[in-house]
Every structure is written in structure tokens, then in C-alpha cells.
Amino acid sequence: MEKKYILGVITARGGSKGIPRKNIKLLGGKPLIAYTIKSAKDSKLITHLIVSTDDDEIAEICRQFGANVPFMRPAELARDESAHLEVMEHAIKTMEEKLGIIFNFVVILQPTSPFRIPEDIDNTIQKLINHPEADCAFSMVEVDDPHPSRIKRMEDDRVFPYSMPEKEGLRRQDLEKAYKRNGSVYVIRRDFIMKNHHLFSDNAVGYIVPQERSVDINTDFDWFRSEYMMEELRKKNTKIYRKYF
């Protein structure tokens, strides 16, 4: 079988606004980004792993934890309004020129998902490999509450369904299962990105990840919850904790 080249890109700019210096803030005694580096390095399917950052301190910390930082991201790709698409196109072009190869797939890994494990990465990649008709694959998590049918919009104090009507009398456990992207793993065909200049399409497949591995840190509350979860994992000293955290 022809070898597949899979580029994993950990995206970590220095200008985090919600939680300053979030990517290298200590969580459970380690910089946040260290957990993503560990899970990505242990992936069996990623063939080339890099960090894309504009920040010298982040780059140095990533190298300390064994990550490859082969270039510094240009400043114009590290602004608040910079899109992930531009960052990924830059990473793909730069690495293909350096290595003299063409990648088959690219994987976006954000440092804000510290509870992701290597199996989450590889199983999401494998989903896309198994579905040659799809453009991309996402790690997904079941939406427990609120269910989409219970989300509303308001106009002049009137309440309307946001996306779908709510059936009266249905218990929560009787509602049709719903899912959302959990922000942990994004896998896209290289040619889809470079030819269409998009990261996502409706022609996607998903891999379901449990709630406890789907924390995406964007707020102070997310951080507080993650600290609590990390401490509980430490106390339980589970096999997963010893292996990955």
C-alpha cells in the first residue's frame, strides 16, 4: 500500500486574549501545549509533526517537550483576525518545500484540548482514510444539554426555534442524539485545502469522543474545570493518567 504522508500542525500563536499566554500557562504542572505535543507525538498515523507559532517563548517551550518548530509563523498570520486556513496553507507550502514531498492529509491540533489522547487523533484520521469520498473528518462529542431543539432565538420578546422545533413532552433521554465538533482534532485532505481554499465542507465524517476528553479551554471557567479534572485524574492515578498526563 502506498505510504501516506500526514502533516500534524499544532497551532499556537502568542497573542491569546481571553486567557493571556494560555498556550504555555501551567496546567497540572505542565504548559498547556505540552499535553497536545505528547498526544500528537504518540500518534501512530501522523508522519510529520510541527508547531506553527509566531512566539519565541512558545517555540522554545515546545522544543523542550520534543516538538519540531521548523519555522516561525509570519506576523501577518498571527493577528486576531488571522484565519486558520491561511496558517495551514502556509504550513503545508513551507513543509512541502522543505521536505520535497506532497502530503495526503493535514491534521489541525489546537493546544486548548489537553485531555485528547493519541487514539482520538488516529481514529479521526482513520475515519477520513476509510471514507475516500469525504473531504474532512472531525472529532465530535454528543450534545447533552441544551439539546438543539431547546435552543431558541428572540425577536421583540417573542421566542422562536433557533434551528428546529421542540416536541412537547419529550424527556431529555428520548431526544434524537445530536453532536458538535469538540475542537480537538480536524483532519482535512491536503488537495481539498490547496485547491478549494477551505478547511471544511459539508462532505465530512466524524469520530465520537467522550465528554471527559472533549474539554476545549477558551474561558476562565474552562480553565478552572480543567484544573479540577486534572487533579481528579492525578488522585485516581488511572492507567490513562499515568500514560498520557
C-alpha atoms as a PDB file:
ATOM      1  CA  MET A   1       0.000   0.000   0.000  1.00  0.00           C
ATOM      2  CA  GLU A   2       1.267   3.463  -0.920  1.00  0.00           C
ATOM      3  CA  LYS A   3       2.669   5.380   2.041  1.00  0.00           C
ATOM      4  CA  LYS A   4       0.502   8.254   3.228  1.00  0.00           C
ATOM      5  CA  TYR A   5       2.150  11.462   4.355  1.00  0.00           C
ATOM      6  CA  ILE A   6       0.202  13.088   7.173  1.00  0.00           C
ATOM      7  CA  LEU A   7       1.185  16.508   8.484  1.00  0.00           C
ATOM      8  CA  GLY A   8       0.140  17.329  12.042  1.00  0.00           C
ATOM      9  CA  VAL A   9       0.146  21.047  12.844  1.00  0.00           C
ATOM     10  CA  ILE A  10      -0.138  22.332  16.400  1.00  0.00           C
ATOM     11  CA  THR A  11      -1.266  25.941  16.042  1.00  0.00           C
ATOM     12  CA  ALA A  12      -0.119  28.205  18.866  1.00  0.00           C
ATOM     13  CA  ARG A  13       0.089  31.939  18.382  1.00  0.00           C
ATOM     14  CA  GLY A  14       1.330  34.107  21.210  1.00  0.00           C
ATOM     15  CA  GLY A  15      -1.451  36.688  21.373  1.00  0.00           C
ATOM     16  CA  SER A  16      -4.176  34.881  23.308  1.00  0.00           C
ATOM     17  CA  LYS A  17      -6.657  37.459  24.603  1.00  0.00           C
ATOM     18  CA  GLY A  18      -9.187  35.543  26.747  1.00  0.00           C
ATOM     19  CA  ILE A  19      -6.532  33.852  28.911  1.00  0.00           C
ATOM     20  CA  PRO A  20      -3.203  35.667  28.443  1.00  0.00           C
ATOM     21  CA  ARG A  21      -0.332  33.357  27.411  1.00  0.00           C
ATOM     22  CA  LYS A  22      -2.811  30.486  27.571  1.00  0.00           C
ATOM     23  CA  ASN A  23      -0.821  28.084  25.422  1.00  0.00           C
ATOM     24  CA  ILE A  24       2.072  27.959  27.882  1.00  0.00           C
ATOM     25  CA  LYS A  25       0.188  28.580  31.134  1.00  0.00           C
ATOM     26  CA  LEU A  26       0.779  25.749  33.605  1.00  0.00           C
ATOM     27  CA  LEU A  27      -1.960  23.162  33.938  1.00  0.00           C
ATOM     28  CA  GLY A  28      -1.227  20.270  36.271  1.00  0.00           C
ATOM     29  CA  GLY A  29       2.386  21.433  36.457  1.00  0.00           C
ATOM     30  CA  LYS A  30       2.970  21.474  32.691  1.00  0.00           C
ATOM     31  CA  PRO A  31       2.494  24.107  29.980  1.00  0.00           C
ATOM     32  CA  LEU A  32      -0.916  23.611  28.376  1.00  0.00           C
ATOM     33  CA  ILE A  33       0.613  22.919  24.972  1.00  0.00           C
ATOM     34  CA  ALA A  34       2.688  20.045  26.389  1.00  0.00           C
ATOM     35  CA  TYR A  35      -0.379  17.792  26.519  1.00  0.00           C
ATOM     36  CA  THR A  36      -1.077  18.285  22.824  1.00  0.00           C
ATOM     37  CA  ILE A  37       2.574  17.668  21.963  1.00  0.00           C
ATOM     38  CA  LYS A  38       2.536  14.406  23.942  1.00  0.00           C
ATOM     39  CA  SER A  39      -0.641  13.050  22.346  1.00  0.00           C
ATOM     40  CA  ALA A  40       0.466  14.077  18.846  1.00  0.00           C
ATOM     41  CA  LYS A  41       3.949  12.565  19.219  1.00  0.00           C
ATOM     42  CA  ASP A  42       2.337   9.295  20.293  1.00  0.00           C
ATOM     43  CA  SER A  43       0.077   9.200  17.222  1.00  0.00           C
ATOM     44  CA  LYS A  44       0.751   6.175  15.046  1.00  0.00           C
ATOM     45  CA  LEU A  45      -0.518   7.836  11.859  1.00  0.00           C
ATOM     46  CA  ILE A  46       0.953  11.357  11.855  1.00  0.00           C
ATOM     47  CA  THR A  47       4.180  11.141   9.869  1.00  0.00           C
ATOM     48  CA  HIS A  48       5.366  14.732  10.330  1.00  0.00           C
ATOM     49  CA  LEU A  49       4.510  16.846  13.378  1.00  0.00           C
ATOM     50  CA  ILE A  50       5.256  20.561  13.682  1.00  0.00           C
ATOM     51  CA  VAL A  51       4.274  23.574  15.747  1.00  0.00           C
ATOM     52  CA  SER A  52       3.262  26.769  13.942  1.00  0.00           C
ATOM     53  CA  THR A  53       3.856  29.758  16.207  1.00  0.00           C
ATOM     54  CA  ASP A  54       4.959  33.369  15.988  1.00  0.00           C
ATOM     55  CA  ASP A  55       6.213  33.451  19.580  1.00  0.00           C
ATOM     56  CA  ASP A  56       9.828  32.728  20.578  1.00  0.00           C
ATOM     57  CA  GLU A  57       8.949  31.642  24.123  1.00  0.00           C
ATOM     58  CA  ILE A  58       6.274  29.234  22.918  1.00  0.00           C
ATOM     59  CA  ALA A  59       8.702  27.853  20.330  1.00  0.00           C
ATOM     60  CA  GLU A  60      11.378  27.236  22.953  1.00  0.00           C
ATOM     61  CA  ILE A  61       8.972  25.502  25.349  1.00  0.00           C
ATOM     62  CA  CYS A  62       7.680  23.311  22.515  1.00  0.00           C
ATOM     63  CA  ARG A  63      11.229  22.266  21.658  1.00  0.00           C
ATOM     64  CA  GLN A  64      11.836  21.398  25.322  1.00  0.00           C
ATOM     65  CA  PHE A  65       8.923  18.963  25.106  1.00  0.00           C
ATOM     66  CA  GLY A  66      10.240  17.390  21.915  1.00  0.00           C
ATOM     67  CA  ALA A  67       8.234  19.227  19.272  1.00  0.00           C
ATOM     68  CA  ASN A  68       9.622  20.352  15.926  1.00  0.00           C
ATOM     69  CA  VAL A  69       9.356  24.098  15.265  1.00  0.00           C
ATOM     70  CA  PRO A  70      10.874  24.324  11.771  1.00  0.00           C
ATOM     71  CA  PHE A  71       9.886  27.945  11.105  1.00  0.00           C
ATOM     72  CA  MET A  72       8.421  30.994  12.809  1.00  0.00           C
ATOM     73  CA  ARG A  73       4.980  31.973  11.627  1.00  0.00           C
ATOM     74  CA  PRO A  74       4.922  35.377   9.877  1.00  0.00           C
ATOM     75  CA  ALA A  75       3.417  38.165  11.979  1.00  0.00           C
ATOM     76  CA  GLU A  76       0.654  38.767   9.440  1.00  0.00           C
ATOM     77  CA  LEU A  77      -0.602  35.217  10.127  1.00  0.00           C
ATOM     78  CA  ALA A  78      -0.689  35.702  13.902  1.00  0.00           C
ATOM     79  CA  ARG A  79      -3.174  38.539  14.263  1.00  0.00           C
ATOM     80  CA  ASP A  80      -6.551  38.227  15.976  1.00  0.00           C
ATOM     81  CA  GLU A  81      -8.283  38.181  12.613  1.00  0.00           C
ATOM     82  CA  SER A  82      -5.884  35.691  11.004  1.00  0.00           C
ATOM     83  CA  ALA A  83      -7.737  32.647   9.714  1.00  0.00           C
ATOM     84  CA  HIS A  84      -6.714  29.046  10.335  1.00  0.00           C
ATOM     85  CA  LEU A  85      -6.907  28.492   6.574  1.00  0.00           C
ATOM     86  CA  GLU A  86      -4.051  30.899   5.899  1.00  0.00           C
ATOM     87  CA  VAL A  87      -1.989  29.374   8.710  1.00  0.00           C
ATOM     88  CA  MET A  88      -2.471  25.869   7.368  1.00  0.00           C
ATOM     89  CA  GLU A  89      -1.761  26.805   3.744  1.00  0.00           C
ATOM     90  CA  HIS A  90       1.481  28.456   4.898  1.00  0.00           C
ATOM     91  CA  ALA A  91       2.462  25.371   6.917  1.00  0.00           C
ATOM     92  CA  ILE A  92       1.707  22.990   4.044  1.00  0.00           C
ATOM     93  CA  LYS A  93       3.622  25.023   1.449  1.00  0.00           C
ATOM     94  CA  THR A  94       6.603  25.569   3.748  1.00  0.00           C
ATOM     95  CA  MET A  95       6.944  21.929   4.807  1.00  0.00           C
ATOM     96  CA  GLU A  96       6.424  20.526   1.313  1.00  0.00           C
ATOM     97  CA  GLU A  97       9.187  22.802   0.025  1.00  0.00           C
ATOM     98  CA  LYS A  98      11.496  21.795   2.892  1.00  0.00           C
ATOM     99  CA  LEU A  99      10.850  18.059   2.590  1.00  0.00           C
ATOM    100  CA  GLY A 100      10.257  17.686  -1.139  1.00  0.00           C
ATOM    101  CA  ILE A 101       7.066  15.679  -0.623  1.00  0.00           C
ATOM    102  CA  ILE A 102       3.339  16.217  -1.076  1.00  0.00           C
ATOM    103  CA  PHE A 103       1.160  15.449   1.911  1.00  0.00           C
ATOM    104  CA  ASN A 104      -2.024  13.402   1.662  1.00  0.00           C
ATOM    105  CA  PHE A 105      -3.721  14.704   4.798  1.00  0.00           C
ATOM    106  CA  VAL A 106      -3.222  17.512   7.284  1.00  0.00           C
ATOM    107  CA  VAL A 107      -4.298  17.495  10.921  1.00  0.00           C
ATOM    108  CA  ILE A 108      -5.060  20.614  12.963  1.00  0.00           C
ATOM    109  CA  LEU A 109      -4.382  20.218  16.689  1.00  0.00           C
ATOM    110  CA  GLN A 110      -5.133  23.135  18.991  1.00  0.00           C
ATOM    111  CA  PRO A 111      -3.430  23.314  22.424  1.00  0.00           C
ATOM    112  CA  THR A 112      -6.770  24.070  24.077  1.00  0.00           C
ATOM    113  CA  SER A 113      -7.726  20.347  24.215  1.00  0.00           C
ATOM    114  CA  PRO A 114      -5.437  18.917  26.922  1.00  0.00           C
ATOM    115  CA  PHE A 115      -7.451  15.726  27.544  1.00  0.00           C
ATOM    116  CA  ARG A 116      -7.190  14.450  23.962  1.00  0.00           C
ATOM    117  CA  ILE A 117      -5.342  11.125  23.673  1.00  0.00           C
ATOM    118  CA  PRO A 118      -3.455   9.658  20.673  1.00  0.00           C
ATOM    119  CA  GLU A 119      -6.319   7.285  19.873  1.00  0.00           C
ATOM    120  CA  ASP A 120      -8.614  10.281  19.354  1.00  0.00           C
ATOM    121  CA  ILE A 121      -6.198  11.631  16.765  1.00  0.00           C
ATOM    122  CA  ASP A 122      -5.616   8.355  14.956  1.00  0.00           C
ATOM    123  CA  ASN A 123      -9.247   7.274  14.936  1.00  0.00           C
ATOM    124  CA  THR A 124     -10.308  10.608  13.429  1.00  0.00           C
ATOM    125  CA  ILE A 125      -7.615  10.304  10.758  1.00  0.00           C
ATOM    126  CA  GLN A 126      -8.668   6.730  10.058  1.00  0.00           C
ATOM    127  CA  LYS A 127     -12.281   7.841   9.584  1.00  0.00           C
ATOM    128  CA  LEU A 128     -11.218  10.044   6.682  1.00  0.00           C
ATOM    129  CA  ILE A 129      -8.959   7.357   5.227  1.00  0.00           C
ATOM    130  CA  ASN A 130     -11.884   4.929   5.360  1.00  0.00           C
ATOM    131  CA  HIS A 131     -14.170   7.381   3.546  1.00  0.00           C
ATOM    132  CA  PRO A 132     -12.393   8.395   0.313  1.00  0.00           C
ATOM    133  CA  GLU A 133     -15.476  10.363  -0.765  1.00  0.00           C
ATOM    134  CA  ALA A 134     -15.230  12.752   2.214  1.00  0.00           C
ATOM    135  CA  ASP A 135     -13.211  15.988   2.311  1.00  0.00           C
ATOM    136  CA  CYS A 136     -12.596  16.157   6.050  1.00  0.00           C
ATOM    137  CA  ALA A 137     -13.133  14.496   9.419  1.00  0.00           C
ATOM    138  CA  PHE A 138     -13.771  15.991  12.860  1.00  0.00           C
ATOM    139  CA  SER A 139     -13.666  14.729  16.404  1.00  0.00           C
ATOM    140  CA  MET A 140     -17.207  15.057  17.736  1.00  0.00           C
ATOM    141  CA  VAL A 141     -18.937  14.990  21.116  1.00  0.00           C
ATOM    142  CA  GLU A 142     -22.555  14.286  21.936  1.00  0.00           C
ATOM    143  CA  VAL A 143     -24.541  17.363  22.916  1.00  0.00           C
ATOM    144  CA  ASP A 144     -26.215  16.585  26.202  1.00  0.00           C
ATOM    145  CA  ASP A 145     -27.715  19.881  27.338  1.00  0.00           C
ATOM    146  CA  PRO A 146     -29.052  22.036  25.879  1.00  0.00           C
ATOM    147  CA  HIS A 147     -30.313  19.925  23.014  1.00  0.00           C
ATOM    148  CA  PRO A 148     -30.577  21.849  19.694  1.00  0.00           C
ATOM    149  CA  SER A 149     -34.369  21.666  19.839  1.00  0.00           C
ATOM    150  CA  ARG A 150     -34.290  23.592  23.115  1.00  0.00           C
ATOM    151  CA  ILE A 151     -32.155  26.446  21.809  1.00  0.00           C
ATOM    152  CA  LYS A 152     -34.225  29.496  20.878  1.00  0.00           C
ATOM    153  CA  ARG A 153     -33.890  32.927  19.317  1.00  0.00           C
ATOM    154  CA  MET A 154     -35.814  36.058  20.310  1.00  0.00           C
ATOM    155  CA  GLU A 155     -37.366  38.896  18.290  1.00  0.00           C
ATOM    156  CA  ASP A 156     -39.229  41.694  20.095  1.00  0.00           C
ATOM    157  CA  ASP A 157     -39.616  39.447  23.154  1.00  0.00           C
ATOM    158  CA  ARG A 158     -41.127  36.655  21.060  1.00  0.00           C
ATOM    159  CA  VAL A 159     -39.470  33.244  21.305  1.00  0.00           C
ATOM    160  CA  PHE A 160     -38.852  31.173  18.162  1.00  0.00           C
ATOM    161  CA  PRO A 161     -36.993  27.913  17.421  1.00  0.00           C
ATOM    162  CA  TYR A 162     -33.382  28.613  16.520  1.00  0.00           C
ATOM    163  CA  SER A 163     -32.942  25.655  14.198  1.00  0.00           C
ATOM    164  CA  MET A 164     -35.608  23.033  14.861  1.00  0.00           C
ATOM    165  CA  PRO A 165     -38.963  22.857  16.674  1.00  0.00           C
ATOM    166  CA  GLU A 166     -39.159  21.429  20.179  1.00  0.00           C
ATOM    167  CA  LYS A 167     -41.511  18.489  20.609  1.00  0.00           C
ATOM    168  CA  GLU A 168     -43.596  18.956  23.716  1.00  0.00           C
ATOM    169  CA  GLY A 169     -43.365  16.340  26.434  1.00  0.00           C
ATOM    170  CA  LEU A 170     -40.221  14.561  25.243  1.00  0.00           C
ATOM    171  CA  ARG A 171     -37.842  13.591  28.020  1.00  0.00           C
ATOM    172  CA  ARG A 172     -34.189  14.514  27.570  1.00  0.00           C
ATOM    173  CA  GLN A 173     -33.235  10.856  27.115  1.00  0.00           C
ATOM    174  CA  ASP A 174     -35.848  10.461  24.367  1.00  0.00           C
ATOM    175  CA  LEU A 175     -34.448  13.235  22.177  1.00  0.00           C
ATOM    176  CA  GLU A 176     -32.629  12.304  18.985  1.00  0.00           C
ATOM    177  CA  LYS A 177     -28.880  12.295  19.583  1.00  0.00           C
ATOM    178  CA  ALA A 178     -27.074  15.447  18.483  1.00  0.00           C
ATOM    179  CA  TYR A 179     -23.355  16.122  18.120  1.00  0.00           C
ATOM    180  CA  LYS A 180     -20.970  19.038  17.745  1.00  0.00           C
ATOM    181  CA  ARG A 181     -17.291  19.410  16.877  1.00  0.00           C
ATOM    182  CA  ASN A 182     -15.298  19.252  20.105  1.00  0.00           C
ATOM    183  CA  GLY A 183     -12.346  21.279  18.778  1.00  0.00           C
ATOM    184  CA  SER A 184      -9.831  18.514  19.429  1.00  0.00           C
ATOM    185  CA  VAL A 185      -8.959  17.029  16.024  1.00  0.00           C
ATOM    186  CA  TYR A 186      -9.542  18.309  12.489  1.00  0.00           C
ATOM    187  CA  VAL A 187      -8.343  16.202   9.556  1.00  0.00           C
ATOM    188  CA  ILE A 188      -8.520  17.529   6.002  1.00  0.00           C
ATOM    189  CA  ARG A 189      -7.348  16.228   2.655  1.00  0.00           C
ATOM    190  CA  ARG A 190      -4.391  18.274   1.521  1.00  0.00           C
ATOM    191  CA  ASP A 191      -5.705  18.718  -2.014  1.00  0.00           C
ATOM    192  CA  PHE A 192      -9.078  19.937  -0.754  1.00  0.00           C
ATOM    193  CA  ILE A 193      -7.366  22.752   1.170  1.00  0.00           C
ATOM    194  CA  MET A 194      -4.948  23.792  -1.533  1.00  0.00           C
ATOM    195  CA  LYS A 195      -7.391  23.604  -4.455  1.00  0.00           C
ATOM    196  CA  ASN A 196     -10.566  24.902  -2.801  1.00  0.00           C
ATOM    197  CA  HIS A 197      -9.045  27.213  -0.183  1.00  0.00           C
ATOM    198  CA  HIS A 198     -11.346  25.875   2.521  1.00  0.00           C
ATOM    199  CA  LEU A 199     -10.725  23.792   5.609  1.00  0.00           C
ATOM    200  CA  PHE A 200     -14.209  22.335   5.977  1.00  0.00           C
ATOM    201  CA  SER A 201     -17.122  21.193   3.872  1.00  0.00           C
ATOM    202  CA  ASP A 202     -20.474  19.538   4.417  1.00  0.00           C
ATOM    203  CA  ASN A 203     -18.913  16.401   2.967  1.00  0.00           C
ATOM    204  CA  ALA A 204     -17.447  15.380   6.323  1.00  0.00           C
ATOM    205  CA  VAL A 205     -17.267  12.363   8.613  1.00  0.00           C
ATOM    206  CA  GLY A 206     -16.959  12.335  12.385  1.00  0.00           C
ATOM    207  CA  TYR A 207     -15.389  10.349  15.194  1.00  0.00           C
ATOM    208  CA  ILE A 208     -17.185  10.481  18.552  1.00  0.00           C
ATOM    209  CA  VAL A 209     -15.083  11.324  21.620  1.00  0.00           C
ATOM    210  CA  PRO A 210     -16.459  11.074  25.178  1.00  0.00           C
ATOM    211  CA  GLN A 211     -17.320  14.205  27.168  1.00  0.00           C
ATOM    212  CA  GLU A 212     -14.367  13.857  29.538  1.00  0.00           C
ATOM    213  CA  ARG A 213     -11.889  14.134  26.656  1.00  0.00           C
ATOM    214  CA  SER A 214     -13.752  16.957  24.909  1.00  0.00           C
ATOM    215  CA  VAL A 215     -12.842  19.957  27.061  1.00  0.00           C
ATOM    216  CA  ASP A 216     -11.892  22.941  24.886  1.00  0.00           C
ATOM    217  CA  ILE A 217     -10.338  25.696  27.010  1.00  0.00           C
ATOM    218  CA  ASN A 218     -11.496  29.145  25.938  1.00  0.00           C
ATOM    219  CA  THR A 219     -12.641  30.805  29.176  1.00  0.00           C
ATOM    220  CA  ASP A 220     -11.541  31.116  32.792  1.00  0.00           C
ATOM    221  CA  PHE A 221     -14.285  28.663  33.738  1.00  0.00           C
ATOM    222  CA  ASP A 222     -12.949  26.140  31.210  1.00  0.00           C
ATOM    223  CA  TRP A 223      -9.542  26.523  32.829  1.00  0.00           C
ATOM    224  CA  PHE A 224     -10.954  26.058  36.331  1.00  0.00           C
ATOM    225  CA  ARG A 225     -12.796  22.916  35.231  1.00  0.00           C
ATOM    226  CA  SER A 226      -9.657  21.555  33.582  1.00  0.00           C
ATOM    227  CA  GLU A 227      -7.600  22.093  36.738  1.00  0.00           C
ATOM    228  CA  TYR A 228     -10.219  20.185  38.723  1.00  0.00           C
ATOM    229  CA  MET A 229     -10.296  17.353  36.171  1.00  0.00           C
ATOM    230  CA  MET A 230      -6.505  17.091  36.089  1.00  0.00           C
ATOM    231  CA  GLU A 231      -6.378  16.927  39.877  1.00  0.00           C
ATOM    232  CA  GLU A 232      -9.036  14.204  39.947  1.00  0.00           C
ATOM    233  CA  LEU A 233      -7.117  12.212  37.342  1.00  0.00           C
ATOM    234  CA  ARG A 234      -3.990  12.555  39.467  1.00  0.00           C
ATOM    235  CA  LYS A 235      -5.790  11.318  42.587  1.00  0.00           C
ATOM    236  CA  LYS A 236      -7.263   8.314  40.789  1.00  0.00           C
ATOM    237  CA  ASN A 237      -3.861   7.562  39.223  1.00  0.00           C
ATOM    238  CA  THR A 238      -5.546   5.706  36.372  1.00  0.00           C
ATOM    239  CA  LYS A 239      -3.709   3.933  33.576  1.00  0.00           C
ATOM    240  CA  ILE A 240      -4.688   6.739  31.177  1.00  0.00           C
ATOM    241  CA  TYR A 241      -3.329   9.360  33.597  1.00  0.00           C
ATOM    242  CA  ARG A 242      -0.012   7.552  34.023  1.00  0.00           C
ATOM    243  CA  LYS A 243       0.331   7.047  30.281  1.00  0.00           C
ATOM    244  CA  TYR A 244      -0.712  10.445  28.927  1.00  0.00           C
ATOM    245  CA  PHE A 245      -0.679  13.055  31.699  1.00  0.00           C
END
